[in-house]
Protein backbone atom coordinates (compact mmCIF):
# COMPACT_ATOMS: atom_id res chain seq x y z
CA UNK A 1 0.00 0.00 0.00
CA UNK A 2 2.83 2.40 0.81
CA UNK A 3 4.36 1.88 -2.63
CA UNK A 4 1.07 2.69 -4.37
CA UNK A 5 0.72 5.91 -2.38
CA UNK A 6 4.20 6.98 -3.48
CA UNK A 7 3.29 6.26 -7.11
CA UNK A 8 0.05 8.21 -6.74
CA UNK A 9 1.78 11.24 -5.21
CA UNK A 10 4.60 11.11 -7.77
CA UNK A 11 2.16 10.88 -10.67
CA UNK A 12 0.09 13.76 -9.29
CA UNK A 13 3.19 15.96 -8.95
CA UNK A 14 4.33 15.22 -12.49
CA UNK A 15 0.81 15.87 -13.81
CA UNK A 16 0.63 19.21 -11.99
CA UNK A 17 4.02 20.23 -13.37
CA UNK A 18 2.94 19.36 -16.91
CA UNK A 19 -0.35 21.23 -16.41
CA UNK A 20 1.55 24.30 -15.17
CA UNK A 21 3.99 24.38 -18.07
CA UNK A 22 1.34 23.83 -20.74
CA UNK A 23 -1.67 25.57 -19.23
CA UNK A 24 -0.50 28.27 -16.84
CA UNK A 25 3.01 29.47 -17.73
CA UNK A 26 2.54 32.73 -19.64
CA UNK A 27 5.99 34.25 -19.52
CA UNK A 28 4.88 37.25 -17.47
CA UNK A 29 3.72 35.07 -14.56
CA UNK A 30 6.35 32.41 -15.14
CA UNK A 31 8.38 30.96 -12.29
CA UNK A 32 11.34 31.69 -14.57
CA UNK A 33 10.71 35.46 -14.66
CA UNK A 34 10.29 37.11 -18.04
CA UNK A 35 11.90 34.20 -19.88
CA UNK A 36 9.44 32.93 -22.49
CA UNK A 37 11.37 29.90 -23.73
CA UNK A 38 9.05 27.41 -22.01
CA UNK A 39 5.97 29.27 -23.25
CA UNK A 40 7.22 29.28 -26.83
CA UNK A 41 8.23 25.61 -26.63
CA UNK A 42 4.68 24.49 -25.69
CA UNK A 43 2.84 27.24 -27.59
CA UNK A 44 1.21 25.03 -30.22
CA UNK A 45 0.27 22.41 -27.62
CA UNK A 46 -1.47 25.15 -25.59
CA UNK A 47 -3.71 26.06 -28.52
CA UNK A 48 -4.31 22.42 -29.45
CA UNK A 49 -5.50 21.71 -25.89
CA UNK A 50 -7.68 24.83 -25.81
CA UNK A 51 -5.61 27.09 -23.53
CA UNK A 52 -5.67 30.71 -24.70
CA UNK A 53 -2.45 32.66 -24.49
CA UNK A 54 -2.91 35.79 -26.61
PDB file of N, CA and C in Angstrom:
ATOM      1  N   UNK A   1       0.832  -1.198   0.000  1.00  0.00           N
ATOM      2  CA  UNK A   1       0.000   0.000   0.000  1.00  0.00           C
ATOM      3  C   UNK A   1       0.865   1.246   0.000  1.00  0.00           C
ATOM      4  N   UNK A   2       1.948   1.239   0.747  1.00  0.00           N
ATOM      5  CA  UNK A   2       2.830   2.401   0.809  1.00  0.00           C
ATOM      6  C   UNK A   2       3.435   2.720  -0.548  1.00  0.00           C
ATOM      7  N   UNK A   3       3.776   1.677  -1.304  1.00  0.00           N
ATOM      8  CA  UNK A   3       4.358   1.879  -2.630  1.00  0.00           C
ATOM      9  C   UNK A   3       3.346   2.509  -3.578  1.00  0.00           C
ATOM     10  N   UNK A   4       2.089   2.121  -3.489  1.00  0.00           N
ATOM     11  CA  UNK A   4       1.069   2.686  -4.366  1.00  0.00           C
ATOM     12  C   UNK A   4       0.795   4.151  -4.034  1.00  0.00           C
ATOM     13  N   UNK A   5       0.901   4.508  -2.769  1.00  0.00           N
ATOM     14  CA  UNK A   5       0.718   5.912  -2.376  1.00  0.00           C
ATOM     15  C   UNK A   5       1.846   6.764  -2.940  1.00  0.00           C
ATOM     16  N   UNK A   6       3.072   6.249  -2.905  1.00  0.00           N
ATOM     17  CA  UNK A   6       4.196   6.976  -3.479  1.00  0.00           C
ATOM     18  C   UNK A   6       4.022   7.167  -4.979  1.00  0.00           C
ATOM     19  N   UNK A   7       3.556   6.141  -5.687  1.00  0.00           N
ATOM     20  CA  UNK A   7       3.294   6.256  -7.114  1.00  0.00           C
ATOM     21  C   UNK A   7       2.197   7.281  -7.384  1.00  0.00           C
ATOM     22  N   UNK A   8       1.151   7.274  -6.570  1.00  0.00           N
ATOM     23  CA  UNK A   8       0.047   8.212  -6.739  1.00  0.00           C
ATOM     24  C   UNK A   8       0.511   9.650  -6.536  1.00  0.00           C
ATOM     25  N   UNK A   9       1.269   9.890  -5.481  1.00  0.00           N
ATOM     26  CA  UNK A   9       1.781  11.240  -5.206  1.00  0.00           C
ATOM     27  C   UNK A   9       2.753  11.673  -6.293  1.00  0.00           C
ATOM     28  N   UNK A  10       3.642  10.791  -6.709  1.00  0.00           N
ATOM     29  CA  UNK A  10       4.596  11.114  -7.769  1.00  0.00           C
ATOM     30  C   UNK A  10       3.909  11.434  -9.082  1.00  0.00           C
ATOM     31  N   UNK A  11       2.914  10.637  -9.438  1.00  0.00           N
ATOM     32  CA  UNK A  11       2.164  10.877 -10.670  1.00  0.00           C
ATOM     33  C   UNK A  11       1.406  12.195 -10.601  1.00  0.00           C
ATOM     34  N   UNK A  12       0.821  12.499  -9.455  1.00  0.00           N
ATOM     35  CA  UNK A  12       0.094  13.761  -9.293  1.00  0.00           C
ATOM     36  C   UNK A  12       1.036  14.952  -9.416  1.00  0.00           C
ATOM     37  N   UNK A  13       2.221  14.861  -8.848  1.00  0.00           N
ATOM     38  CA  UNK A  13       3.185  15.961  -8.947  1.00  0.00           C
ATOM     39  C   UNK A  13       3.658  16.178 -10.388  1.00  0.00           C
ATOM     40  N   UNK A  14       3.917  15.104 -11.086  1.00  0.00           N
ATOM     41  CA  UNK A  14       4.325  15.219 -12.491  1.00  0.00           C
ATOM     42  C   UNK A  14       3.189  15.805 -13.325  1.00  0.00           C
ATOM     43  N   UNK A  15       1.960  15.350 -13.076  1.00  0.00           N
ATOM     44  CA  UNK A  15       0.808  15.867 -13.813  1.00  0.00           C
ATOM     45  C   UNK A  15       0.604  17.358 -13.546  1.00  0.00           C
ATOM     46  N   UNK A  16       0.760  17.784 -12.303  1.00  0.00           N
ATOM     47  CA  UNK A  16       0.628  19.206 -11.987  1.00  0.00           C
ATOM     48  C   UNK A  16       1.726  20.038 -12.650  1.00  0.00           C
ATOM     49  N   UNK A  17       2.929  19.511 -12.702  1.00  0.00           N
ATOM     50  CA  UNK A  17       4.024  20.226 -13.366  1.00  0.00           C
ATOM     51  C   UNK A  17       3.746  20.366 -14.861  1.00  0.00           C
ATOM     52  N   UNK A  18       3.273  19.296 -15.482  1.00  0.00           N
ATOM     53  CA  UNK A  18       2.941  19.356 -16.911  1.00  0.00           C
ATOM     54  C   UNK A  18       1.797  20.334 -17.137  1.00  0.00           C
ATOM     55  N   UNK A  19       0.775  20.292 -16.289  1.00  0.00           N
ATOM     56  CA  UNK A  19      -0.348  21.231 -16.413  1.00  0.00           C
ATOM     57  C   UNK A  19       0.130  22.676 -16.281  1.00  0.00           C
ATOM     58  N   UNK A  20       1.032  22.943 -15.344  1.00  0.00           N
ATOM     59  CA  UNK A  20       1.547  24.299 -15.173  1.00  0.00           C
ATOM     60  C   UNK A  20       2.266  24.762 -16.435  1.00  0.00           C
ATOM     61  N   UNK A  21       3.191  23.951 -16.929  1.00  0.00           N
ATOM     62  CA  UNK A  21       3.994  24.381 -18.070  1.00  0.00           C
ATOM     63  C   UNK A  21       3.173  24.539 -19.342  1.00  0.00           C
ATOM     64  N   UNK A  22       2.153  23.718 -19.529  1.00  0.00           N
ATOM     65  CA  UNK A  22       1.344  23.830 -20.742  1.00  0.00           C
ATOM     66  C   UNK A  22       0.185  24.801 -20.549  1.00  0.00           C
ATOM     67  N   UNK A  23      -0.449  24.795 -19.393  1.00  0.00           N
ATOM     68  CA  UNK A  23      -1.668  25.569 -19.229  1.00  0.00           C
ATOM     69  C   UNK A  23      -1.555  26.887 -18.512  1.00  0.00           C
ATOM     70  N   UNK A  24      -0.546  27.086 -17.691  1.00  0.00           N
ATOM     71  CA  UNK A  24      -0.502  28.274 -16.844  1.00  0.00           C
ATOM     72  C   UNK A  24       0.643  29.212 -17.200  1.00  0.00           C
ATOM     73  N   UNK A  25       1.813  28.653 -17.491  1.00  0.00           N
ATOM     74  CA  UNK A  25       3.009  29.469 -17.726  1.00  0.00           C
ATOM     75  C   UNK A  25       2.782  30.429 -18.897  1.00  0.00           C
ATOM     76  N   UNK A  26       2.809  31.721 -18.618  1.00  0.00           N
ATOM     77  CA  UNK A  26       2.542  32.734 -19.636  1.00  0.00           C
ATOM     78  C   UNK A  26       3.740  33.622 -19.918  1.00  0.00           C
ATOM     79  N   UNK A  27       4.847  33.364 -19.345  1.00  0.00           N
ATOM     80  CA  UNK A  27       5.990  34.246 -19.523  1.00  0.00           C
ATOM     81  C   UNK A  27       5.997  35.335 -18.461  1.00  0.00           C
ATOM     82  N   UNK A  28       4.962  36.156 -18.430  1.00  0.00           N
ATOM     83  CA  UNK A  28       4.879  37.253 -17.465  1.00  0.00           C
ATOM     84  C   UNK A  28       4.687  36.732 -16.041  1.00  0.00           C
ATOM     85  N   UNK A  29       3.950  35.639 -15.885  1.00  0.00           N
ATOM     86  CA  UNK A  29       3.723  35.065 -14.557  1.00  0.00           C
ATOM     87  C   UNK A  29       4.514  33.777 -14.376  1.00  0.00           C
ATOM     88  N   UNK A  30       5.541  33.616 -15.171  1.00  0.00           N
ATOM     89  CA  UNK A  30       6.353  32.413 -15.143  1.00  0.00           C
ATOM     90  C   UNK A  30       7.204  32.351 -13.885  1.00  0.00           C
ATOM     91  N   UNK A  31       7.466  31.136 -13.421  1.00  0.00           N
ATOM     92  CA  UNK A  31       8.380  30.965 -12.291  1.00  0.00           C
ATOM     93  C   UNK A  31       9.813  31.258 -12.730  1.00  0.00           C
ATOM     94  N   UNK A  32      10.019  31.395 -14.031  1.00  0.00           N
ATOM     95  CA  UNK A  32      11.341  31.690 -14.572  1.00  0.00           C
ATOM     96  C   UNK A  32      11.517  33.173 -14.866  1.00  0.00           C
ATOM     97  N   UNK A  33      10.611  34.029 -14.392  1.00  0.00           N
ATOM     98  CA  UNK A  33      10.706  35.460 -14.662  1.00  0.00           C
ATOM     99  C   UNK A  33      10.147  35.789 -16.031  1.00  0.00           C
ATOM    100  N   UNK A  34      10.782  36.690 -16.730  1.00  0.00           N
ATOM    101  CA  UNK A  34      10.294  37.114 -18.045  1.00  0.00           C
ATOM    102  C   UNK A  34      10.798  36.241 -19.180  1.00  0.00           C
ATOM    103  N   UNK A  35      11.394  35.114 -18.859  1.00  0.00           N
ATOM    104  CA  UNK A  35      11.900  34.198 -19.875  1.00  0.00           C
ATOM    105  C   UNK A  35      10.727  33.464 -20.509  1.00  0.00           C
ATOM    106  N   UNK A  36      10.587  33.544 -21.820  1.00  0.00           N
ATOM    107  CA  UNK A  36       9.439  32.928 -22.492  1.00  0.00           C
ATOM    108  C   UNK A  36       9.818  31.670 -23.269  1.00  0.00           C
ATOM    109  N   UNK A  37      10.964  31.088 -22.993  1.00  0.00           N
ATOM    110  CA  UNK A  37      11.370  29.896 -23.734  1.00  0.00           C
ATOM    111  C   UNK A  37      10.401  28.730 -23.517  1.00  0.00           C
ATOM    112  N   UNK A  38       9.977  28.513 -22.290  1.00  0.00           N
ATOM    113  CA  UNK A  38       9.048  27.412 -22.014  1.00  0.00           C
ATOM    114  C   UNK A  38       7.719  27.674 -22.697  1.00  0.00           C
ATOM    115  N   UNK A  39       7.238  28.908 -22.617  1.00  0.00           N
ATOM    116  CA  UNK A  39       5.973  29.266 -23.251  1.00  0.00           C
ATOM    117  C   UNK A  39       6.034  29.025 -24.760  1.00  0.00           C
ATOM    118  N   UNK A  40       7.094  29.451 -25.387  1.00  0.00           N
ATOM    119  CA  UNK A  40       7.220  29.276 -26.835  1.00  0.00           C
ATOM    120  C   UNK A  40       7.380  27.809 -27.206  1.00  0.00           C
ATOM    121  N   UNK A  41       8.030  27.026 -26.348  1.00  0.00           N
ATOM    122  CA  UNK A  41       8.230  25.610 -26.628  1.00  0.00           C
ATOM    123  C   UNK A  41       6.906  24.852 -26.653  1.00  0.00           C
ATOM    124  N   UNK A  42       5.970  25.203 -25.771  1.00  0.00           N
ATOM    125  CA  UNK A  42       4.684  24.492 -25.688  1.00  0.00           C
ATOM    126  C   UNK A  42       3.543  25.303 -26.292  1.00  0.00           C
ATOM    127  N   UNK A  43       3.859  26.329 -27.062  1.00  0.00           N
ATOM    128  CA  UNK A  43       2.845  27.242 -27.590  1.00  0.00           C
ATOM    129  C   UNK A  43       1.782  26.537 -28.425  1.00  0.00           C
ATOM    130  N   UNK A  44       2.182  25.718 -29.372  1.00  0.00           N
ATOM    131  CA  UNK A  44       1.209  25.025 -30.216  1.00  0.00           C
ATOM    132  C   UNK A  44       0.388  24.020 -29.426  1.00  0.00           C
ATOM    133  N   UNK A  45       1.009  23.360 -28.454  1.00  0.00           N
ATOM    134  CA  UNK A  45       0.272  22.411 -27.615  1.00  0.00           C
ATOM    135  C   UNK A  45      -0.793  23.142 -26.803  1.00  0.00           C
ATOM    136  N   UNK A  46      -0.480  24.362 -26.353  1.00  0.00           N
ATOM    137  CA  UNK A  46      -1.469  25.154 -25.594  1.00  0.00           C
ATOM    138  C   UNK A  46      -2.718  25.369 -26.422  1.00  0.00           C
ATOM    139  N   UNK A  47      -2.550  25.809 -27.659  1.00  0.00           N
ATOM    140  CA  UNK A  47      -3.706  26.064 -28.523  1.00  0.00           C
ATOM    141  C   UNK A  47      -4.440  24.769 -28.873  1.00  0.00           C
ATOM    142  N   UNK A  48      -3.698  23.703 -29.134  1.00  0.00           N
ATOM    143  CA  UNK A  48      -4.308  22.419 -29.455  1.00  0.00           C
ATOM    144  C   UNK A  48      -5.184  21.921 -28.304  1.00  0.00           C
ATOM    145  N   UNK A  49      -4.746  22.154 -27.055  1.00  0.00           N
ATOM    146  CA  UNK A  49      -5.502  21.711 -25.893  1.00  0.00           C
ATOM    147  C   UNK A  49      -6.550  22.721 -25.424  1.00  0.00           C
ATOM    148  N   UNK A  50      -6.643  23.867 -26.101  1.00  0.00           N
ATOM    149  CA  UNK A  50      -7.685  24.833 -25.806  1.00  0.00           C
ATOM    150  C   UNK A  50      -7.324  25.900 -24.794  1.00  0.00           C
ATOM    151  N   UNK A  51      -6.040  26.047 -24.458  1.00  0.00           N
ATOM    152  CA  UNK A  51      -5.614  27.088 -23.533  1.00  0.00           C
ATOM    153  C   UNK A  51      -5.320  28.366 -24.315  1.00  0.00           C
ATOM    154  N   UNK A  52      -5.994  29.461 -24.003  1.00  0.00           N
ATOM    155  CA  UNK A  52      -5.672  30.713 -24.700  1.00  0.00           C
ATOM    156  C   UNK A  52      -4.380  31.309 -24.148  1.00  0.00           C
ATOM    157  N   UNK A  53      -3.668  32.023 -24.983  1.00  0.00           N
ATOM    158  CA  UNK A  53      -2.447  32.665 -24.489  1.00  0.00           C
ATOM    159  C   UNK A  53      -2.195  34.009 -25.150  1.00  0.00           C
ATOM    160  N   UNK A  54      -3.100  34.484 -25.959  1.00  0.00           N
ATOM    161  CA  UNK A  54      -2.915  35.789 -26.608  1.00  0.00           C
ATOM    162  C   UNK A  54      -3.994  36.729 -26.102  1.00  0.00           C
TER     163      UNK A  54
END
